[in-house]
Amino acid sequence: MKRALMTMLICVFSIASAAQSETEKQLVLMVGGDVQWSIGAGTNDVYYDNPDPKEGDWRPIPYLNNQQGRSHLTQELGLELETPRSRTVQPHTIPLEFDSIQEHVRFPFQRIAPVLREADITYVNLENPLSTRGRRQGAFRAPPELAEAVRWAGIDVVSIANNHMLDAGEQGLFDTMENLWRAGVGFVGGGRNLEDARRPFIIERNGLKIAFLGYAHFINVVEDRGFARPDRSGLAPMDPFAIKEDIGRVREQVDYVAVAIHWGMSDKFEVYPENRKLAHEIIDAGADLVLGGHPPNPVGIEVYKGKVIIYSPGHLLFGYNRTFWKNDHLVRITLTPEKISKLEILPIAGEGNDLAQPYLLSGGPARQLLEFLQSRMATLGTRLDIDGDTGVVTP
């Protein structure tokens, strides 16, 4: 009798322990914005002596971008040298000299890495190719060693589906994928063909699996030719049918599906109605998280049917800044086996030189950003509570 009672108590205890273990199981996902660390981006190779020729004129002569050429054009010809749009920025936002390549690539993460490492999984958008072999076609290109620094900072997965990923051409894309793979960083949104570019990256932590997918709205320089095809490398396009199909393929394999999209609205604070409609369609198709990006300033977060849409958190870090770019934020998301239980908004520095080495904000600057987001999110039907230096959303 005693043995039967003891056996029954052990069974009850085991069931209770299992239930308690399942209840306590959770995963913390950290979501950051754009990462770009390309010093000296977008400089001109040459300047022309007749920047606005008329039909029938002798073609402008290209002068090398050096002291002799610039002096001739500015002093002898009286020209004002046109600067590319990507350089209409504050050029002194970062130190331009480092003692080693490791110091160079780890510099921007020094103050924010401890925050990123606290999460079980950290995601960002990688905004530049990692290559020395790919010929620069656009504004950005970063050293291959940045991949190691990304991993060192605690970042587990990145999207490479964005408008700057082909700034170093196809070779730059291939080098980026290779360097990330060697560093142990997962990536989505690009590949050697369309199937490869649409392939999910699945990661498991604490007994929960998340599938990441990545897509680009548009691509600089090469435009539509930069999107992958069955027989051509490139990025995964923001095709609603493809996105829904990809979600359906992976939905039953994982606990959560996160769809990263680099979409329009650059330099805007509003969420376009078409943008919001697409986000809702993606959630309705089975996604749990939409991780938007590209707008350089925070746009807002929406809770829709208990799921989360981050329209843009702004930047995480950048190698230059512009005067109208403001502070940014991270999003810390707590996931359980049953649901998304909590969202926390962590304001980070993004003005002036701070964008090159961001850190958690506190006091007045943190509250100013949170109050701005509070008003923006109210228009999206989502309540944001402010708890000290943190914003809290309960889905």
Protein backbone atom coordinates (compact mmCIF):
# COMPACT_ATOMS: atom_id res chain seq x y z
CA MET A 1 0.00 0.00 0.00
CA LYS A 2 2.80 2.39 0.95
CA ARG A 3 4.69 1.51 -2.24
CA ALA A 4 1.60 2.15 -4.41
CA LEU A 5 1.03 5.49 -2.68
CA MET A 6 4.66 6.46 -3.15
CA THR A 7 4.51 5.50 -6.85
CA MET A 8 1.39 7.61 -7.31
CA LEU A 9 3.01 10.60 -5.59
CA ILE A 10 6.10 10.28 -7.79
CA CYS A 11 3.91 10.22 -10.92
CA VAL A 12 1.98 13.28 -9.77
CA PHE A 13 5.25 15.06 -8.96
CA SER A 14 6.71 14.15 -12.37
CA ILE A 15 3.65 15.44 -14.21
CA ALA A 16 3.68 18.65 -12.17
CA SER A 17 7.40 19.11 -12.79
CA ALA A 18 6.97 18.59 -16.52
CA ALA A 19 4.13 21.10 -16.59
CA GLN A 20 6.18 23.58 -14.59
CA SER A 21 9.15 23.08 -16.91
CA GLU A 22 6.94 23.69 -19.95
CA THR A 23 5.53 26.83 -18.34
CA GLU A 24 8.97 28.19 -17.52
CA LYS A 25 10.35 27.50 -21.01
CA GLN A 26 10.80 30.73 -22.90
CA LEU A 27 13.05 32.38 -25.45
CA VAL A 28 14.22 35.98 -25.64
CA LEU A 29 14.67 37.38 -29.15
CA MET A 30 16.48 40.69 -29.64
CA VAL A 31 15.73 42.62 -32.83
CA GLY A 32 17.98 45.43 -34.04
CA GLY A 33 17.96 47.66 -37.09
CA ASP A 34 20.44 48.26 -39.88
CA VAL A 35 24.16 47.56 -39.45
CA GLN A 36 26.51 49.34 -41.89
CA TRP A 37 30.22 49.78 -41.25
CA SER A 38 31.74 51.01 -44.49
CA ILE A 39 34.11 53.87 -43.86
CA GLY A 40 34.59 56.32 -46.70
CA ALA A 41 31.44 55.18 -48.48
CA GLY A 42 30.47 56.54 -51.85
CA THR A 43 33.48 58.72 -52.75
CA ASN A 44 33.79 59.92 -56.35
CA ASP A 45 36.43 58.32 -58.56
CA VAL A 46 36.53 61.31 -60.89
CA TYR A 47 35.08 64.81 -61.27
CA TYR A 48 34.05 66.31 -64.63
CA ASP A 49 35.05 69.74 -65.91
CA ASN A 50 31.62 70.32 -67.47
CA PRO A 51 29.04 68.78 -65.11
CA ASP A 52 26.04 70.03 -67.15
CA PRO A 53 26.93 69.68 -70.87
CA LYS A 54 24.54 70.65 -73.66
CA GLU A 55 23.82 68.58 -76.73
CA GLY A 56 26.66 68.94 -79.22
CA ASP A 57 29.22 69.96 -76.60
CA TRP A 58 32.61 68.31 -76.33
CA ARG A 59 32.21 65.54 -73.78
CA PRO A 60 33.28 66.50 -70.24
CA ILE A 61 36.83 65.52 -69.27
CA PRO A 62 37.16 63.27 -66.20
CA TYR A 63 39.74 64.44 -63.64
CA LEU A 64 40.97 62.05 -60.99
CA ASN A 65 39.71 62.70 -57.48
CA ASN A 66 43.06 63.95 -56.14
CA GLN A 67 44.42 67.27 -54.96
CA GLN A 68 45.71 68.35 -58.38
CA GLY A 69 42.44 67.58 -60.17
CA ARG A 70 40.24 69.16 -57.50
CA SER A 71 42.38 72.33 -57.37
CA HIS A 72 42.19 72.73 -61.15
CA LEU A 73 38.42 72.38 -61.17
CA THR A 74 37.70 74.56 -58.16
CA GLN A 75 40.37 77.27 -58.43
CA GLU A 76 41.01 77.59 -62.17
CA LEU A 77 37.54 76.75 -63.47
CA GLY A 78 35.57 77.94 -60.45
CA LEU A 79 33.43 74.80 -60.20
CA GLU A 80 31.66 73.56 -57.11
CA LEU A 81 32.34 69.85 -56.98
CA GLU A 82 29.20 67.81 -56.72
CA THR A 83 29.13 65.28 -53.90
CA PRO A 84 27.22 61.99 -54.22
CA ARG A 85 24.02 61.80 -52.20
CA SER A 86 25.51 59.08 -50.04
CA ARG A 87 28.17 61.53 -48.90
CA THR A 88 25.86 64.43 -48.00
CA VAL A 89 26.50 63.45 -44.41
CA GLN A 90 28.71 64.29 -41.49
CA PRO A 91 32.03 62.72 -42.53
CA HIS A 92 33.58 62.87 -39.06
CA THR A 93 31.16 60.60 -37.24
CA ILE A 94 33.79 57.91 -36.69
CA PRO A 95 37.54 57.68 -36.12
CA LEU A 96 39.15 56.98 -39.47
CA GLU A 97 42.26 55.24 -38.16
CA PHE A 98 42.59 52.02 -36.17
CA ASP A 99 45.61 50.08 -34.96
CA SER A 100 44.31 46.76 -36.31
CA ILE A 101 41.54 45.35 -38.45
CA GLN A 102 40.04 43.68 -35.37
CA GLU A 103 39.84 47.03 -33.59
CA HIS A 104 38.28 48.53 -36.70
CA VAL A 105 35.47 45.98 -37.03
CA ARG A 106 34.73 45.56 -33.33
CA PHE A 107 34.72 49.29 -32.57
CA PRO A 108 31.02 49.97 -33.34
CA PHE A 109 29.80 47.06 -31.18
CA GLN A 110 31.84 47.78 -28.06
CA ARG A 111 29.13 49.48 -26.01
CA ILE A 112 26.05 47.63 -27.30
CA ALA A 113 27.42 44.07 -27.45
CA PRO A 114 26.64 43.27 -23.77
CA VAL A 115 22.97 44.06 -24.44
CA LEU A 116 22.86 41.95 -27.61
CA ARG A 117 24.52 38.99 -25.89
CA GLU A 118 21.88 38.87 -23.14
CA ALA A 119 19.27 37.55 -25.59
CA ASP A 120 18.93 33.91 -26.61
CA ILE A 121 18.81 34.95 -30.27
CA THR A 122 19.75 38.32 -31.77
CA TYR A 123 18.76 39.44 -35.28
CA VAL A 124 19.82 42.50 -37.34
CA ASN A 125 19.81 43.63 -40.96
CA LEU A 126 23.32 43.64 -42.48
CA GLU A 127 23.34 46.66 -44.78
CA ASN A 128 26.64 46.18 -46.63
CA PRO A 129 28.53 43.42 -48.46
CA LEU A 130 31.57 41.97 -46.71
CA SER A 131 34.15 41.78 -49.45
CA THR A 132 37.49 43.06 -50.71
CA ARG A 133 37.16 41.27 -54.05
CA GLY A 134 33.80 42.58 -55.20
CA ARG A 135 34.10 45.78 -57.24
CA ARG A 136 32.35 48.69 -55.58
CA GLN A 137 29.20 49.56 -57.52
CA GLY A 138 27.34 51.41 -54.80
CA ALA A 139 28.02 53.31 -51.62
CA PHE A 140 28.93 50.55 -49.17
CA ARG A 141 31.49 47.79 -48.82
CA ALA A 142 32.92 46.50 -45.53
CA PRO A 143 35.90 44.30 -44.62
CA PRO A 144 35.27 40.53 -44.51
CA GLU A 145 36.43 40.58 -40.89
CA LEU A 146 33.20 42.35 -39.95
CA ALA A 147 31.49 38.94 -40.03
CA GLU A 148 33.61 37.81 -37.07
CA ALA A 149 32.81 41.03 -35.22
CA VAL A 150 29.07 40.50 -35.81
CA ARG A 151 29.32 37.07 -34.19
CA TRP A 152 31.55 38.42 -31.40
CA ALA A 153 28.86 41.00 -30.61
CA GLY A 154 26.30 38.24 -30.01
CA ILE A 155 24.39 38.45 -33.30
CA ASP A 156 23.09 35.06 -34.46
CA VAL A 157 21.24 35.76 -37.69
CA VAL A 158 21.09 38.59 -40.25
CA SER A 159 19.08 39.45 -43.31
CA ILE A 160 21.11 40.27 -46.41
CA ALA A 161 18.00 41.21 -48.41
CA ASN A 162 18.35 44.97 -48.64
CA ASN A 163 19.03 47.76 -51.12
CA HIS A 164 22.81 47.90 -50.49
CA MET A 165 23.75 44.22 -50.44
CA LEU A 166 24.80 44.27 -54.10
CA ASP A 167 26.93 47.40 -53.76
CA ALA A 168 29.94 45.17 -54.51
CA GLY A 169 28.20 43.12 -57.18
CA GLU A 170 27.68 39.39 -57.39
CA GLN A 171 31.16 38.66 -56.05
CA GLY A 172 30.42 40.83 -53.04
CA LEU A 173 27.23 38.85 -52.38
CA PHE A 174 29.05 35.52 -52.62
CA ASP A 175 31.85 36.76 -50.35
CA THR A 176 29.31 38.00 -47.80
CA MET A 177 27.56 34.64 -47.62
CA GLU A 178 30.89 32.80 -47.32
CA ASN A 179 32.23 35.12 -44.62
CA LEU A 180 29.04 34.92 -42.56
CA TRP A 181 29.01 31.12 -42.85
CA ARG A 182 32.63 30.88 -41.71
CA ALA A 183 31.89 33.15 -38.73
CA GLY A 184 28.89 31.07 -37.68
CA VAL A 185 26.28 33.75 -38.44
CA GLY A 186 23.01 32.62 -40.04
CA PHE A 187 21.64 34.64 -42.95
CA VAL A 188 18.51 34.87 -45.10
CA GLY A 189 17.35 36.73 -48.19
CA GLY A 190 20.13 36.10 -50.68
CA GLY A 191 21.63 33.19 -52.58
CA ARG A 192 23.13 31.67 -55.71
CA ASN A 193 19.66 31.21 -57.16
CA LEU A 194 16.05 31.93 -56.24
CA GLU A 195 15.56 28.72 -54.27
CA ASP A 196 18.68 29.48 -52.26
CA ALA A 197 17.61 33.09 -51.61
CA ARG A 198 14.18 31.99 -50.32
CA ARG A 199 15.55 29.28 -48.03
CA PRO A 200 14.71 29.79 -44.31
CA PHE A 201 17.26 29.81 -41.54
CA ILE A 202 15.97 27.77 -38.60
CA ILE A 203 17.47 28.17 -35.15
CA GLU A 204 16.50 26.49 -31.86
CA ARG A 205 17.01 27.81 -28.35
CA ASN A 206 15.50 26.59 -25.07
CA GLY A 207 13.38 24.03 -26.88
CA LEU A 208 11.76 26.58 -29.21
CA LYS A 209 12.41 26.83 -32.95
CA ILE A 210 12.26 30.03 -35.01
CA ALA A 211 12.39 30.15 -38.81
CA PHE A 212 13.72 33.37 -40.35
CA LEU A 213 12.91 34.45 -43.92
CA GLY A 214 14.21 37.58 -45.70
CA TYR A 215 13.04 39.76 -48.63
CA ALA A 216 13.93 43.07 -50.28
CA HIS A 217 11.52 45.68 -51.63
CA PHE A 218 14.09 47.23 -53.99
CA ILE A 219 17.82 47.18 -54.74
CA ASN A 220 20.13 50.11 -55.48
CA VAL A 221 22.36 50.24 -58.57
CA VAL A 222 21.20 47.05 -60.32
CA GLU A 223 17.47 47.44 -59.60
CA ASP A 224 15.37 44.46 -60.78
CA ARG A 225 18.44 42.67 -62.16
CA GLY A 226 19.61 42.16 -58.60
CA PHE A 227 16.72 39.89 -57.68
CA ALA A 228 17.40 36.17 -57.81
CA ARG A 229 15.98 33.91 -60.49
CA PRO A 230 16.00 30.10 -60.79
CA ASP A 231 19.25 30.35 -62.74
CA ARG A 232 20.71 33.58 -61.36
CA SER A 233 22.06 34.78 -58.05
CA GLY A 234 20.59 37.71 -56.15
CA LEU A 235 18.17 38.67 -53.41
CA ALA A 236 14.70 37.37 -52.60
CA PRO A 237 12.07 39.85 -53.86
CA MET A 238 9.23 41.12 -51.70
CA ASP A 239 6.70 39.14 -53.73
CA PRO A 240 3.59 38.59 -51.54
CA PHE A 241 2.82 35.24 -53.19
CA ALA A 242 6.37 33.96 -52.66
CA ILE A 243 6.39 35.14 -49.05
CA LYS A 244 3.13 33.37 -48.25
CA GLU A 245 4.31 30.22 -49.99
CA ASP A 246 7.56 30.22 -48.03
CA ILE A 247 5.70 30.70 -44.74
CA GLY A 248 3.46 27.76 -45.56
CA ARG A 249 6.42 25.51 -46.31
CA VAL A 250 8.06 26.06 -42.93
CA ARG A 251 5.08 26.75 -40.66
CA GLU A 252 4.63 23.22 -39.31
CA GLN A 253 8.36 22.71 -38.71
CA VAL A 254 8.81 25.47 -36.12
CA ASP A 255 7.19 27.28 -33.21
CA TYR A 256 7.62 30.78 -34.66
CA VAL A 257 8.09 32.28 -38.12
CA ALA A 258 9.87 35.66 -38.43
CA VAL A 259 9.72 37.45 -41.80
CA ALA A 260 12.38 40.14 -42.34
CA ILE A 261 11.55 42.74 -44.99
CA HIS A 262 13.60 45.71 -46.14
CA TRP A 263 10.87 47.96 -47.47
CA GLY A 264 10.06 51.55 -48.48
CA MET A 265 9.26 54.63 -46.40
CA SER A 266 12.86 55.88 -46.27
CA ASP A 267 13.14 59.10 -44.20
CA LYS A 268 9.41 58.93 -43.41
CA PHE A 269 7.70 58.40 -40.06
CA GLU A 270 4.32 57.34 -41.43
CA VAL A 271 3.31 53.77 -42.23
CA TYR A 272 1.84 53.64 -45.71
CA PRO A 273 -1.59 51.94 -45.90
CA GLU A 274 -0.21 49.52 -48.54
CA ASN A 275 2.69 48.73 -46.22
CA ARG A 276 0.36 47.93 -43.35
CA LYS A 277 -1.92 45.85 -45.58
CA LEU A 278 1.00 43.68 -46.69
CA ALA A 279 2.17 43.23 -43.10
CA HIS A 280 -1.29 42.04 -42.08
CA GLU A 281 -1.40 39.63 -45.01
CA ILE A 282 1.93 38.15 -43.93
CA ILE A 283 0.61 37.58 -40.41
CA ASP A 284 -2.61 36.11 -41.76
CA ALA A 285 -0.51 33.70 -43.84
CA GLY A 286 1.01 32.25 -40.68
CA ALA A 287 3.92 34.48 -39.66
CA ASP A 288 4.33 35.49 -36.03
CA LEU A 289 6.79 38.36 -36.46
CA VAL A 290 7.39 40.88 -39.24
CA LEU A 291 10.84 42.45 -38.87
CA GLY A 292 10.76 45.56 -41.05
CA GLY A 293 13.66 47.83 -41.85
CA HIS A 294 15.14 50.54 -44.10
CA PRO A 295 13.58 53.76 -42.72
CA PRO A 296 16.50 55.33 -40.81
CA ASN A 297 14.30 56.49 -37.94
CA PRO A 298 11.91 54.42 -35.77
CA VAL A 299 8.46 54.16 -37.33
CA GLY A 300 6.50 52.15 -34.79
CA ILE A 301 5.34 48.70 -33.77
CA GLU A 302 1.91 47.16 -34.20
CA VAL A 303 0.34 44.21 -32.40
CA TYR A 304 -2.02 42.50 -34.82
CA LYS A 305 -3.97 39.40 -33.74
CA GLY A 306 -1.46 38.81 -30.97
CA LYS A 307 1.44 38.88 -33.46
CA VAL A 308 4.07 41.59 -33.85
CA ILE A 309 4.92 43.93 -36.73
CA ILE A 310 8.06 46.05 -36.33
CA TYR A 311 7.81 48.54 -39.18
CA SER A 312 11.33 49.85 -38.53
CA PRO A 313 13.46 50.21 -35.39
CA GLY A 314 15.77 52.62 -37.22
CA HIS A 315 19.47 51.88 -37.34
CA LEU A 316 21.54 49.82 -34.96
CA LEU A 317 24.85 51.33 -36.08
CA PHE A 318 26.17 53.13 -39.15
CA GLY A 319 29.53 54.37 -40.39
CA TYR A 320 28.16 57.87 -40.99
CA ASN A 321 25.23 60.03 -39.97
CA ARG A 322 22.87 62.70 -41.22
CA THR A 323 21.53 65.64 -39.27
CA PHE A 324 17.89 64.51 -39.51
CA TRP A 325 18.57 60.98 -38.23
CA LYS A 326 17.52 60.58 -34.61
CA ASN A 327 17.87 58.01 -31.83
CA ASP A 328 16.86 54.40 -32.49
CA HIS A 329 15.81 51.35 -30.49
CA LEU A 330 16.14 47.63 -29.97
CA VAL A 331 13.13 45.35 -29.44
CA ARG A 332 13.37 42.58 -26.85
CA ILE A 333 10.67 39.95 -27.42
CA THR A 334 9.80 37.18 -24.97
CA LEU A 335 8.43 34.04 -26.59
CA THR A 336 6.81 31.08 -24.81
CA PRO A 337 5.51 27.80 -26.25
CA GLU A 338 2.01 29.30 -26.29
CA LYS A 339 2.43 32.92 -27.39
CA ILE A 340 4.42 36.13 -27.64
CA SER A 341 4.18 37.21 -24.03
CA LYS A 342 6.02 40.52 -23.91
CA LEU A 343 7.73 43.23 -25.96
CA GLU A 344 10.24 45.71 -24.55
CA ILE A 345 11.56 48.71 -26.43
CA LEU A 346 15.12 49.67 -25.49
CA PRO A 347 16.10 53.16 -26.72
CA ILE A 348 19.65 53.42 -28.10
CA ALA A 349 21.79 56.38 -29.11
CA GLY A 350 21.74 57.21 -32.80
CA GLU A 351 22.44 60.94 -33.16
CA GLY A 352 25.74 62.39 -34.36
CA ASN A 353 28.83 60.34 -33.59
CA ASP A 354 26.86 58.02 -31.30
CA LEU A 355 25.47 56.14 -34.30
CA ALA A 356 28.97 54.77 -34.86
CA GLN A 357 29.06 53.26 -31.37
CA PRO A 358 25.52 53.06 -29.95
CA TYR A 359 24.59 52.45 -26.31
CA LEU A 360 21.45 52.22 -24.21
CA LEU A 361 19.82 55.58 -23.53
CA SER A 362 18.50 56.68 -20.16
CA GLY A 363 16.71 59.64 -18.65
CA GLY A 364 15.38 62.41 -20.87
CA PRO A 365 16.59 61.12 -24.27
CA ALA A 366 15.10 57.66 -23.60
CA ARG A 367 11.76 59.08 -22.51
CA GLN A 368 11.61 61.47 -25.47
CA LEU A 369 11.95 58.57 -27.91
CA LEU A 370 9.47 56.41 -26.02
CA GLU A 371 6.86 59.17 -25.91
CA PHE A 372 7.27 59.68 -29.65
CA LEU A 373 6.78 55.94 -30.24
CA GLN A 374 3.85 55.93 -27.85
CA SER A 375 2.00 58.46 -30.02
CA ARG A 376 2.99 56.72 -33.26
CA MET A 377 1.88 53.30 -32.03
CA ALA A 378 -1.44 54.67 -30.82
CA THR A 379 -2.27 55.40 -34.48
CA LEU A 380 -1.60 51.70 -35.14
CA GLY A 381 -3.97 50.63 -32.37
CA THR A 382 -1.17 49.46 -30.08
CA ARG A 383 -0.59 50.59 -26.51
CA LEU A 384 2.92 51.33 -25.28
CA ASP A 385 3.51 51.76 -21.54
CA ILE A 386 6.63 53.54 -20.34
CA ASP A 387 8.48 51.95 -17.42
CA GLY A 388 11.53 54.07 -16.63
CA ASP A 389 13.85 53.89 -19.64
CA THR A 390 11.96 51.02 -21.28
CA GLY A 391 8.80 50.78 -23.33
CA VAL A 392 6.55 47.79 -22.61
CA VAL A 393 3.90 46.23 -24.85
CA THR A 394 1.72 43.31 -23.78
CA PRO A 395 0.34 41.57 -26.90
